[in-house]
Amino acid sequence: MGFPNNEIVVLDIAGDFAHARTGNPARKSDLFELGFVEKADDLVLPLHNEEDRVRIIKKLVDLKALFSYGPGWSPSELVGYYRDKGLVSGTYRVIAWTSPENYRISKQ
């Protein structure tokens, strides 16, 4: 799957762990500062409860991370849900793949 190397891409944030990926060492450092650790190709952070999840989402929005679009509780859907509830404010960025190597980035 093609990824924008200079961006933080949030792949999952609905479960017990947040999963993100980046090819940029400076952006990787940003994630380390939030408590993410490397696990295989991803950077992973345990999420203990909804308050913890919302706190991390806010920090990722501030870092202008890309939230992956997809079916179910994709990262972009979850951020939209929390924004509708008033727990997250402002715009956030979404990445949607149109093919394995092509993607589209938009603001919500």
PDB file of N, CA and C in Angstrom:
ATOM      1  N   MET A   1       0.847  -1.173   0.000  1.00  0.00           N
ATOM      2  CA  MET A   1       0.000   0.000   0.000  1.00  0.00           C
ATOM      3  C   MET A   1       0.892   1.235   0.000  1.00  0.00           C
ATOM      4  N   GLY A   2       0.627   2.175  -0.876  1.00  0.00           N
ATOM      5  CA  GLY A   2       1.386   3.409  -0.932  1.00  0.00           C
ATOM      6  C   GLY A   2       1.074   4.310   0.256  1.00  0.00           C
ATOM      7  N   PHE A   3       2.109   4.914   0.809  1.00  0.00           N
ATOM      8  CA  PHE A   3       1.953   5.822   1.930  1.00  0.00           C
ATOM      9  C   PHE A   3       2.694   7.126   1.630  1.00  0.00           C
ATOM     10  N   PRO A   4       2.140   8.254   2.059  1.00  0.00           N
ATOM     11  CA  PRO A   4       2.888   9.507   1.965  1.00  0.00           C
ATOM     12  C   PRO A   4       3.975   9.510   3.042  1.00  0.00           C
ATOM     13  N   ASN A   5       5.216   9.396   2.644  1.00  0.00           N
ATOM     14  CA  ASN A   5       6.326   9.182   3.579  1.00  0.00           C
ATOM     15  C   ASN A   5       6.531  10.284   4.607  1.00  0.00           C
ATOM     16  N   ASN A   6       6.174  11.509   4.281  1.00  0.00           N
ATOM     17  CA  ASN A   6       6.427  12.614   5.205  1.00  0.00           C
ATOM     18  C   ASN A   6       5.285  12.873   6.175  1.00  0.00           C
ATOM     19  N   GLU A   7       4.275  12.025   6.158  1.00  0.00           N
ATOM     20  CA  GLU A   7       3.086  12.221   6.977  1.00  0.00           C
ATOM     21  C   GLU A   7       2.987  11.155   8.061  1.00  0.00           C
ATOM     22  N   ILE A   8       2.226  11.459   9.101  1.00  0.00           N
ATOM     23  CA  ILE A   8       1.799  10.456  10.071  1.00  0.00           C
ATOM     24  C   ILE A   8       0.458   9.937   9.579  1.00  0.00           C
ATOM     25  N   VAL A   9       0.337   8.633   9.413  1.00  0.00           N
ATOM     26  CA  VAL A   9      -0.917   8.016   8.991  1.00  0.00           C
ATOM     27  C   VAL A   9      -1.431   7.169  10.152  1.00  0.00           C
ATOM     28  N   VAL A  10      -2.612   7.499  10.652  1.00  0.00           N
ATOM     29  CA  VAL A  10      -3.238   6.740  11.730  1.00  0.00           C
ATOM     30  C   VAL A  10      -4.044   5.617  11.088  1.00  0.00           C
ATOM     31  N   LEU A  11      -3.661   4.385  11.390  1.00  0.00           N
ATOM     32  CA  LEU A  11      -4.279   3.212  10.769  1.00  0.00           C
ATOM     33  C   LEU A  11      -5.401   2.620  11.611  1.00  0.00           C
ATOM     34  N   ASP A  12      -5.314   2.766  12.923  1.00  0.00           N
ATOM     35  CA  ASP A  12      -6.343   2.239  13.822  1.00  0.00           C
ATOM     36  C   ASP A  12      -6.278   3.020  15.113  1.00  0.00           C
ATOM     37  N   ILE A  13      -7.455   3.326  15.648  1.00  0.00           N
ATOM     38  CA  ILE A  13      -7.505   4.004  16.947  1.00  0.00           C
ATOM     39  C   ILE A  13      -8.767   3.600  17.702  1.00  0.00           C
ATOM     40  N   ALA A  14      -9.488   2.598  17.187  1.00  0.00           N
ATOM     41  CA  ALA A  14     -10.751   2.176  17.792  1.00  0.00           C
ATOM     42  C   ALA A  14     -10.568   1.073  18.829  1.00  0.00           C
ATOM     43  N   GLY A  15      -9.484   0.323  18.750  1.00  0.00           N
ATOM     44  CA  GLY A  15      -9.285  -0.805  19.650  1.00  0.00           C
ATOM     45  C   GLY A  15      -8.514  -0.424  20.904  1.00  0.00           C
ATOM     46  N   ASP A  16      -7.819  -1.401  21.454  1.00  0.00           N
ATOM     47  CA  ASP A  16      -7.045  -1.190  22.673  1.00  0.00           C
ATOM     48  C   ASP A  16      -5.710  -0.502  22.406  1.00  0.00           C
ATOM     49  N   PHE A  17      -5.346  -0.373  21.129  1.00  0.00           N
ATOM     50  CA  PHE A  17      -4.085   0.253  20.750  1.00  0.00           C
ATOM     51  C   PHE A  17      -4.307   1.196  19.579  1.00  0.00           C
ATOM     52  N   ALA A  18      -3.577   2.311  19.577  1.00  0.00           N
ATOM     53  CA  ALA A  18      -3.511   3.178  18.403  1.00  0.00           C
ATOM     54  C   ALA A  18      -2.358   2.669  17.553  1.00  0.00           C
ATOM     55  N   HIS A  19      -2.572   2.599  16.244  1.00  0.00           N
ATOM     56  CA  HIS A  19      -1.536   2.180  15.295  1.00  0.00           C
ATOM     57  C   HIS A  19      -1.325   3.309  14.296  1.00  0.00           C
ATOM     58  N   ALA A  20      -0.077   3.707  14.124  1.00  0.00           N
ATOM     59  CA  ALA A  20       0.258   4.763  13.171  1.00  0.00           C
ATOM     60  C   ALA A  20       1.511   4.343  12.410  1.00  0.00           C
ATOM     61  N   ARG A  21       1.761   5.047  11.312  1.00  0.00           N
ATOM     62  CA  ARG A  21       2.929   4.752  10.491  1.00  0.00           C
ATOM     63  C   ARG A  21       3.436   6.054   9.877  1.00  0.00           C
ATOM     64  N   THR A  22       4.755   6.159   9.758  1.00  0.00           N
ATOM     65  CA  THR A  22       5.376   7.285   9.079  1.00  0.00           C
ATOM     66  C   THR A  22       6.755   6.865   8.584  1.00  0.00           C
ATOM     67  N   GLY A  23       7.185   7.472   7.486  1.00  0.00           N
ATOM     68  CA  GLY A  23       8.521   7.226   6.970  1.00  0.00           C
ATOM     69  C   GLY A  23       9.472   8.370   7.282  1.00  0.00           C
ATOM     70  N   ASN A  24       9.002   9.359   8.023  1.00  0.00           N
ATOM     71  CA  ASN A  24       9.773  10.554   8.322  1.00  0.00           C
ATOM     72  C   ASN A  24      10.307  10.472   9.758  1.00  0.00           C
ATOM     73  N   PRO A  25      11.630  10.463   9.951  1.00  0.00           N
ATOM     74  CA  PRO A  25      12.197  10.359  11.305  1.00  0.00           C
ATOM     75  C   PRO A  25      11.713  11.454  12.262  1.00  0.00           C
ATOM     76  N   ALA A  26      11.537  12.670  11.781  1.00  0.00           N
ATOM     77  CA  ALA A  26      11.061  13.752  12.647  1.00  0.00           C
ATOM     78  C   ALA A  26       9.626  13.491  13.098  1.00  0.00           C
ATOM     79  N   ARG A  27       8.794  12.992  12.181  1.00  0.00           N
ATOM     80  CA  ARG A  27       7.398  12.682  12.541  1.00  0.00           C
ATOM     81  C   ARG A  27       7.345  11.473  13.480  1.00  0.00           C
ATOM     82  N   LYS A  28       8.270  10.535  13.282  1.00  0.00           N
ATOM     83  CA  LYS A  28       8.362   9.383  14.177  1.00  0.00           C
ATOM     84  C   LYS A  28       8.708   9.861  15.588  1.00  0.00           C
ATOM     85  N   SER A  29       9.593  10.831  15.679  1.00  0.00           N
ATOM     86  CA  SER A  29       9.963  11.410  16.971  1.00  0.00           C
ATOM     87  C   SER A  29       8.749  12.052  17.645  1.00  0.00           C
ATOM     88  N   ASP A  30       7.897  12.714  16.839  1.00  0.00           N
ATOM     89  CA  ASP A  30       6.660  13.296  17.383  1.00  0.00           C
ATOM     90  C   ASP A  30       5.800  12.220  18.040  1.00  0.00           C
ATOM     91  N   LEU A  31       5.713  11.062  17.390  1.00  0.00           N
ATOM     92  CA  LEU A  31       4.918   9.962  17.940  1.00  0.00           C
ATOM     93  C   LEU A  31       5.564   9.373  19.190  1.00  0.00           C
ATOM     94  N   PHE A  32       6.891   9.266  19.198  1.00  0.00           N
ATOM     95  CA  PHE A  32       7.584   8.782  20.389  1.00  0.00           C
ATOM     96  C   PHE A  32       7.288   9.675  21.589  1.00  0.00           C
ATOM     97  N   GLU A  33       7.226  10.999  21.357  1.00  0.00           N
ATOM     98  CA  GLU A  33       6.927  11.941  22.439  1.00  0.00           C
ATOM     99  C   GLU A  33       5.537  11.715  23.022  1.00  0.00           C
ATOM    100  N   LEU A  34       4.613  11.166  22.227  1.00  0.00           N
ATOM    101  CA  LEU A  34       3.274  10.855  22.718  1.00  0.00           C
ATOM    102  C   LEU A  34       3.223   9.504  23.432  1.00  0.00           C
ATOM    103  N   GLY A  35       4.313   8.750  23.359  1.00  0.00           N
ATOM    104  CA  GLY A  35       4.354   7.456  24.022  1.00  0.00           C
ATOM    105  C   GLY A  35       4.269   6.260  23.093  1.00  0.00           C
ATOM    106  N   PHE A  36       4.207   6.496  21.783  1.00  0.00           N
ATOM    107  CA  PHE A  36       4.181   5.394  20.822  1.00  0.00           C
ATOM    108  C   PHE A  36       5.513   4.658  20.859  1.00  0.00           C
ATOM    109  N   VAL A  37       5.472   3.355  20.591  1.00  0.00           N
ATOM    110  CA  VAL A  37       6.680   2.538  20.476  1.00  0.00           C
ATOM    111  C   VAL A  37       6.614   1.772  19.163  1.00  0.00           C
ATOM    112  N   GLU A  38       7.785   1.406  18.658  1.00  0.00           N
ATOM    113  CA  GLU A  38       7.837   0.655  17.402  1.00  0.00           C
ATOM    114  C   GLU A  38       7.452  -0.797  17.630  1.00  0.00           C
ATOM    115  N   LYS A  39       6.612  -1.305  16.723  1.00  0.00           N
ATOM    116  CA  LYS A  39       6.229  -2.714  16.727  1.00  0.00           C
ATOM    117  C   LYS A  39       6.046  -3.113  15.271  1.00  0.00           C
ATOM    118  N   ALA A  40       7.003  -3.874  14.748  1.00  0.00           N
ATOM    119  CA  ALA A  40       7.030  -4.239  13.327  1.00  0.00           C
ATOM    120  C   ALA A  40       7.076  -2.955  12.501  1.00  0.00           C
ATOM    121  N   ASP A  41       6.167  -2.795  11.542  1.00  0.00           N
ATOM    122  CA  ASP A  41       6.164  -1.608  10.679  1.00  0.00           C
ATOM    123  C   ASP A  41       5.416  -0.424  11.278  1.00  0.00           C
ATOM    124  N   ASP A  42       4.685  -0.660  12.365  1.00  0.00           N
ATOM    125  CA  ASP A  42       3.843   0.378  12.951  1.00  0.00           C
ATOM    126  C   ASP A  42       4.465   0.975  14.202  1.00  0.00           C
ATOM    127  N   LEU A  43       3.885   2.105  14.603  1.00  0.00           N
ATOM    128  CA  LEU A  43       4.133   2.672  15.919  1.00  0.00           C
ATOM    129  C   LEU A  43       2.835   2.482  16.686  1.00  0.00           C
ATOM    130  N   VAL A  44       2.941   1.984  17.902  1.00  0.00           N
ATOM    131  CA  VAL A  44       1.771   1.526  18.647  1.00  0.00           C
ATOM    132  C   VAL A  44       1.729   2.198  20.017  1.00  0.00           C
ATOM    133  N   LEU A  45       0.510   2.510  20.459  1.00  0.00           N
ATOM    134  CA  LEU A  45       0.300   3.124  21.765  1.00  0.00           C
ATOM    135  C   LEU A  45      -0.924   2.492  22.411  1.00  0.00           C
ATOM    136  N   PRO A  46      -0.800   1.964  23.653  1.00  0.00           N
ATOM    137  CA  PRO A  46      -1.990   1.414  24.313  1.00  0.00           C
ATOM    138  C   PRO A  46      -2.983   2.524  24.655  1.00  0.00           C
ATOM    139  N   LEU A  47      -4.259   2.199  24.505  1.00  0.00           N
ATOM    140  CA  LEU A  47      -5.346   3.123  24.848  1.00  0.00           C
ATOM    141  C   LEU A  47      -6.140   2.480  25.978  1.00  0.00           C
ATOM    142  N   HIS A  48      -6.238   3.161  27.111  1.00  0.00           N
ATOM    143  CA  HIS A  48      -6.819   2.564  28.303  1.00  0.00           C
ATOM    144  C   HIS A  48      -8.316   2.803  28.450  1.00  0.00           C
ATOM    145  N   ASN A  49      -8.813   3.905  27.898  1.00  0.00           N
ATOM    146  CA  ASN A  49     -10.234   4.232  28.010  1.00  0.00           C
ATOM    147  C   ASN A  49     -10.575   5.321  26.988  1.00  0.00           C
ATOM    148  N   GLU A  50     -11.842   5.724  26.973  1.00  0.00           N
ATOM    149  CA  GLU A  50     -12.279   6.719  25.993  1.00  0.00           C
ATOM    150  C   GLU A  50     -11.582   8.064  26.204  1.00  0.00           C
ATOM    151  N   GLU A  51     -11.394   8.459  27.438  1.00  0.00           N
ATOM    152  CA  GLU A  51     -10.718   9.734  27.727  1.00  0.00           C
ATOM    153  C   GLU A  51      -9.294   9.722  27.163  1.00  0.00           C
ATOM    154  N   ASP A  52      -8.611   8.621  27.327  1.00  0.00           N
ATOM    155  CA  ASP A  52      -7.258   8.458  26.791  1.00  0.00           C
ATOM    156  C   ASP A  52      -7.281   8.530  25.257  1.00  0.00           C
ATOM    157  N   ARG A  53      -8.255   7.869  24.639  1.00  0.00           N
ATOM    158  CA  ARG A  53      -8.392   7.862  23.176  1.00  0.00           C
ATOM    159  C   ARG A  53      -8.621   9.282  22.657  1.00  0.00           C
ATOM    160  N   VAL A  54      -9.520  10.015  23.285  1.00  0.00           N
ATOM    161  CA  VAL A  54      -9.814  11.388  22.848  1.00  0.00           C
ATOM    162  C   VAL A  54      -8.578  12.274  23.017  1.00  0.00           C
ATOM    163  N   ARG A  55      -7.850  12.109  24.112  1.00  0.00           N
ATOM    164  CA  ARG A  55      -6.635  12.900  24.348  1.00  0.00           C
ATOM    165  C   ARG A  55      -5.617  12.665  23.234  1.00  0.00           C
ATOM    166  N   ILE A  56      -5.417  11.406  22.845  1.00  0.00           N
ATOM    167  CA  ILE A  56      -4.456  11.078  21.788  1.00  0.00           C
ATOM    168  C   ILE A  56      -4.955  11.594  20.439  1.00  0.00           C
ATOM    169  N   ILE A  57      -6.246  11.464  20.178  1.00  0.00           N
ATOM    170  CA  ILE A  57      -6.800  11.985  18.918  1.00  0.00           C
ATOM    171  C   ILE A  57      -6.535  13.486  18.809  1.00  0.00           C
ATOM    172  N   LYS A  58      -6.774  14.218  19.871  1.00  0.00           N
ATOM    173  CA  LYS A  58      -6.526  15.666  19.852  1.00  0.00           C
ATOM    174  C   LYS A  58      -5.069  15.971  19.536  1.00  0.00           C
ATOM    175  N   LYS A  59      -4.163  15.231  20.145  1.00  0.00           N
ATOM    176  CA  LYS A  59      -2.736  15.453  19.906  1.00  0.00           C
ATOM    177  C   LYS A  59      -2.369  15.103  18.461  1.00  0.00           C
ATOM    178  N   LEU A  60      -2.967  14.031  17.925  1.00  0.00           N
ATOM    179  CA  LEU A  60      -2.698  13.655  16.536  1.00  0.00           C
ATOM    180  C   LEU A  60      -3.274  14.687  15.562  1.00  0.00           C
ATOM    181  N   VAL A  61      -4.437  15.238  15.877  1.00  0.00           N
ATOM    182  CA  VAL A  61      -5.008  16.313  15.053  1.00  0.00           C
ATOM    183  C   VAL A  61      -4.062  17.515  15.070  1.00  0.00           C
ATOM    184  N   ASP A  62      -3.538  17.861  16.253  1.00  0.00           N
ATOM    185  CA  ASP A  62      -2.597  18.976  16.359  1.00  0.00           C
ATOM    186  C   ASP A  62      -1.333  18.734  15.536  1.00  0.00           C
ATOM    187  N   LEU A  63      -0.932  17.460  15.412  1.00  0.00           N
ATOM    188  CA  LEU A  63       0.240  17.106  14.606  1.00  0.00           C
ATOM    189  C   LEU A  63      -0.086  17.017  13.116  1.00  0.00           C
ATOM    190  N   LYS A  64      -1.353  17.284  12.773  1.00  0.00           N
ATOM    191  CA  LYS A  64      -1.834  17.227  11.389  1.00  0.00           C
ATOM    192  C   LYS A  64      -1.665  15.837  10.785  1.00  0.00           C
ATOM    193  N   ALA A  65      -1.881  14.821  11.629  1.00  0.00           N
ATOM    194  CA  ALA A  65      -1.840  13.429  11.163  1.00  0.00           C
ATOM    195  C   ALA A  65      -2.975  13.189  10.170  1.00  0.00           C
ATOM    196  N   LEU A  66      -2.801  12.175   9.343  1.00  0.00           N
ATOM    197  CA  LEU A  66      -3.828  11.735   8.408  1.00  0.00           C
ATOM    198  C   LEU A  66      -4.560  10.559   9.046  1.00  0.00           C
ATOM    199  N   PHE A  67      -5.881  10.652   9.133  1.00  0.00           N
ATOM    200  CA  PHE A  67      -6.694   9.581   9.704  1.00  0.00           C
ATOM    201  C   PHE A  67      -7.267   8.751   8.568  1.00  0.00           C
ATOM    202  N   SER A  68      -6.955   7.466   8.590  1.00  0.00           N
ATOM    203  CA  SER A  68      -7.344   6.563   7.516  1.00  0.00           C
ATOM    204  C   SER A  68      -8.867   6.435   7.417  1.00  0.00           C
ATOM    205  N   TYR A  69      -9.355   6.446   6.183  1.00  0.00           N
ATOM    206  CA  TYR A  69     -10.770   6.277   5.889  1.00  0.00           C
ATOM    207  C   TYR A  69     -11.031   4.816   5.538  1.00  0.00           C
ATOM    208  N   GLY A  70     -12.184   4.314   5.912  1.00  0.00           N
ATOM    209  CA  GLY A  70     -12.556   2.946   5.570  1.00  0.00           C
ATOM    210  C   GLY A  70     -13.851   2.556   6.241  1.00  0.00           C
ATOM    211  N   PRO A  71     -14.249   1.304   6.072  1.00  0.00           N
ATOM    212  CA  PRO A  71     -15.507   0.834   6.659  1.00  0.00           C
ATOM    213  C   PRO A  71     -15.392   0.654   8.173  1.00  0.00           C
ATOM    214  N   GLY A  72     -16.542   0.637   8.827  1.00  0.00           N
ATOM    215  CA  GLY A  72     -16.565   0.413  10.275  1.00  0.00           C
ATOM    216  C   GLY A  72     -16.042   1.625  11.027  1.00  0.00           C
ATOM    217  N   TRP A  73     -15.441   1.376  12.156  1.00  0.00           N
ATOM    218  CA  TRP A  73     -14.908   2.464  12.974  1.00  0.00           C
ATOM    219  C   TRP A  73     -13.480   2.781  12.549  1.00  0.00           C
ATOM    220  N   SER A  74     -13.355   3.255  11.322  1.00  0.00           N
ATOM    221  CA  SER A  74     -12.039   3.672  10.828  1.00  0.00           C
ATOM    222  C   SER A  74     -11.595   4.896  11.633  1.00  0.00           C
ATOM    223  N   PRO A  75     -10.306   5.191  11.632  1.00  0.00           N
ATOM    224  CA  PRO A  75      -9.848   6.373  12.359  1.00  0.00           C
ATOM    225  C   PRO A  75     -10.585   7.654  11.973  1.00  0.00           C
ATOM    226  N   SER A  76     -10.827   7.866  10.677  1.00  0.00           N
ATOM    227  CA  SER A  76     -11.517   9.100  10.276  1.00  0.00           C
ATOM    228  C   SER A  76     -12.956   9.128  10.792  1.00  0.00           C
ATOM    229  N   GLU A  77     -13.632   7.985  10.783  1.00  0.00           N
ATOM    230  CA  GLU A  77     -15.010   7.914  11.294  1.00  0.00           C
ATOM    231  C   GLU A  77     -15.038   8.189  12.796  1.00  0.00           C
ATOM    232  N   LEU A  78     -14.068   7.660  13.511  1.00  0.00           N
ATOM    233  CA  LEU A  78     -14.020   7.854  14.958  1.00  0.00           C
ATOM    234  C   LEU A  78     -13.760   9.316  15.316  1.00  0.00           C
ATOM    235  N   VAL A  79     -12.854   9.970  14.591  1.00  0.00           N
ATOM    236  CA  VAL A  79     -12.600  11.391  14.851  1.00  0.00           C
ATOM    237  C   VAL A  79     -13.866  12.193  14.562  1.00  0.00           C
ATOM    238  N   GLY A  80     -14.565  11.879  13.473  1.00  0.00           N
ATOM    239  CA  GLY A  80     -15.821  12.558  13.163  1.00  0.00           C
ATOM    240  C   GLY A  80     -16.860  12.355  14.248  1.00  0.00           C
ATOM    241  N   TYR A  81     -16.945  11.155  14.780  1.00  0.00           N
ATOM    242  CA  TYR A  81     -17.880  10.838  15.870  1.00  0.00           C
ATOM    243  C   TYR A  81     -17.584  11.704  17.093  1.00  0.00           C
ATOM    244  N   TYR A  82     -16.300  11.770  17.471  1.00  0.00           N
ATOM    245  CA  TYR A  82     -15.939  12.579  18.635  1.00  0.00           C
ATOM    246  C   TYR A  82     -16.115  14.070  18.369  1.00  0.00           C
ATOM    247  N   ARG A  83     -15.926  14.495  17.144  1.00  0.00           N
ATOM    248  CA  ARG A  83     -16.173  15.901  16.817  1.00  0.00           C
ATOM    249  C   ARG A  83     -17.668  16.196  16.925  1.00  0.00           C
ATOM    250  N   ASP A  84     -18.514  15.282  16.430  1.00  0.00           N
ATOM    251  CA  ASP A  84     -19.974  15.457  16.545  1.00  0.00           C
ATOM    252  C   ASP A  84     -20.418  15.522  18.006  1.00  0.00           C
ATOM    253  N   LYS A  85     -19.720  14.811  18.881  1.00  0.00           N
ATOM    254  CA  LYS A  85     -20.037  14.823  20.319  1.00  0.00           C
ATOM    255  C   LYS A  85     -19.456  16.049  21.021  1.00  0.00           C
ATOM    256  N   GLY A  86     -18.666  16.857  20.306  1.00  0.00           N
ATOM    257  CA  GLY A  86     -18.070  18.047  20.888  1.00  0.00           C
ATOM    258  C   GLY A  86     -16.788  17.783  21.666  1.00  0.00           C
ATOM    259  N   LEU A  87     -16.219  16.585  21.544  1.00  0.00           N
ATOM    260  CA  LEU A  87     -15.002  16.243  22.276  1.00  0.00           C
ATOM    261  C   LEU A  87     -13.729  16.587  21.505  1.00  0.00           C
ATOM    262  N   VAL A  88     -13.850  16.734  20.190  1.00  0.00           N
ATOM    263  CA  VAL A  88     -12.743  17.130  19.313  1.00  0.00           C
ATOM    264  C   VAL A  88     -13.257  18.299  18.482  1.00  0.00           C
ATOM    265  N   SER A  89     -12.433  19.318  18.300  1.00  0.00           N
ATOM    266  CA  SER A  89     -12.890  20.473  17.530  1.00  0.00           C
ATOM    267  C   SER A  89     -11.977  20.729  16.343  1.00  0.00           C
ATOM    268  N   GLY A  90     -12.477  21.527  15.426  1.00  0.00           N
ATOM    269  CA  GLY A  90     -11.681  21.925  14.268  1.00  0.00           C
ATOM    270  C   GLY A  90     -11.682  20.894  13.160  1.00  0.00           C
ATOM    271  N   THR A  91     -10.833  21.154  12.183  1.00  0.00           N
ATOM    272  CA  THR A  91     -10.739  20.252  11.038  1.00  0.00           C
ATOM    273  C   THR A  91      -9.663  19.202  11.288  1.00  0.00           C
ATOM    274  N   TYR A  92      -9.789  18.106  10.585  1.00  0.00           N
ATOM    275  CA  TYR A  92      -8.781  17.057  10.637  1.00  0.00           C
ATOM    276  C   TYR A  92      -8.598  16.528   9.225  1.00  0.00           C
ATOM    277  N   ARG A  93      -7.485  15.845   9.011  1.00  0.00           N
ATOM    278  CA  ARG A  93      -7.126  15.375   7.679  1.00  0.00           C
ATOM    279  C   ARG A  93      -7.408  13.878   7.548  1.00  0.00           C
ATOM    280  N   VAL A  94      -7.888  13.503   6.357  1.00  0.00           N
ATOM    281  CA  VAL A  94      -8.280  12.119   6.073  1.00  0.00           C
ATOM    282  C   VAL A  94      -7.503  11.625   4.859  1.00  0.00           C
ATOM    283  N   ILE A  95      -7.089  10.359   4.911  1.00  0.00           N
ATOM    284  CA  ILE A  95      -6.472   9.720   3.754  1.00  0.00           C
ATOM    285  C   ILE A  95      -7.342   8.537   3.354  1.00  0.00           C
ATOM    286  N   ALA A  96      -7.648   8.457   2.067  1.00  0.00           N
ATOM    287  CA  ALA A  96      -8.449   7.353   1.521  1.00  0.00           C
ATOM    288  C   ALA A  96      -7.720   6.786   0.315  1.00  0.00           C
ATOM    289  N   TRP A  97      -7.579   5.480   0.287  1.00  0.00           N
ATOM    290  CA  TRP A  97      -6.894   4.836  -0.835  1.00  0.00           C
ATOM    291  C   TRP A  97      -7.876   4.573  -1.961  1.00  0.00           C
ATOM    292  N   THR A  98      -7.457   4.935  -3.174  1.00  0.00           N
ATOM    293  CA  THR A  98      -8.274   4.692  -4.366  1.00  0.00           C
ATOM    294  C   THR A  98      -7.775   3.461  -5.110  1.00  0.00           C
ATOM    295  N   SER A  99      -6.567   3.008  -4.781  1.00  0.00           N
ATOM    296  CA  SER A  99      -5.981   1.772  -5.282  1.00  0.00           C
ATOM    297  C   SER A  99      -4.826   1.452  -4.329  1.00  0.00           C
ATOM    298  N   PRO A 100      -4.201   0.297  -4.455  1.00  0.00           N
ATOM    299  CA  PRO A 100      -3.122  -0.033  -3.520  1.00  0.00           C
ATOM    300  C   PRO A 100      -1.979   0.990  -3.480  1.00  0.00           C
ATOM    301  N   GLU A 101      -1.742   1.684  -4.556  1.00  0.00           N
ATOM    302  CA  GLU A 101      -0.633   2.644  -4.588  1.00  0.00           C
ATOM    303  C   GLU A 101      -1.072   4.104  -4.644  1.00  0.00           C
ATOM    304  N   ASN A 102      -2.363   4.361  -4.748  1.00  0.00           N
ATOM    305  CA  ASN A 102      -2.856   5.735  -4.885  1.00  0.00           C
ATOM    306  C   ASN A 102      -3.802   6.080  -3.750  1.00  0.00           C
ATOM    307  N   TYR A 103      -3.708   7.310  -3.309  1.00  0.00           N
ATOM    308  CA  TYR A 103      -4.548   7.775  -2.208  1.00  0.00           C
ATOM    309  C   TYR A 103      -4.981   9.209  -2.470  1.00  0.00           C
ATOM    310  N   ARG A 104      -5.967   9.617  -1.682  1.00  0.00           N
ATOM    311  CA  ARG A 104      -6.512  10.968  -1.758  1.00  0.00           C
ATOM    312  C   ARG A 104      -6.520  11.533  -0.336  1.00  0.00           C
ATOM    313  N   ILE A 105      -6.065  12.751  -0.174  1.00  0.00           N
ATOM    314  CA  ILE A 105      -6.052  13.420   1.131  1.00  0.00           C
ATOM    315  C   ILE A 105      -7.063  14.556   1.094  1.00  0.00           C
ATOM    316  N   SER A 106      -7.883  14.635   2.149  1.00  0.00           N
ATOM    317  CA  SER A 106      -8.878  15.703   2.240  1.00  0.00           C
ATOM    318  C   SER A 106      -8.962  16.200   3.679  1.00  0.00           C
ATOM    319  N   LYS A 107      -9.646  17.321   3.845  1.00  0.00           N
ATOM    320  CA  LYS A 107      -9.904  17.875   5.185  1.00  0.00           C
ATOM    321  C   LYS A 107     -11.364  17.691   5.510  1.00  0.00           C
ATOM    322  N   GLN A 108     -11.637  17.410   6.751  1.00  0.00           N
ATOM    323  CA  GLN A 108     -13.019  17.251   7.232  1.00  0.00           C
ATOM    324  C   GLN A 108     -13.318  18.310   8.263  1.00  0.00           C
TER     325      GLN A 108
END
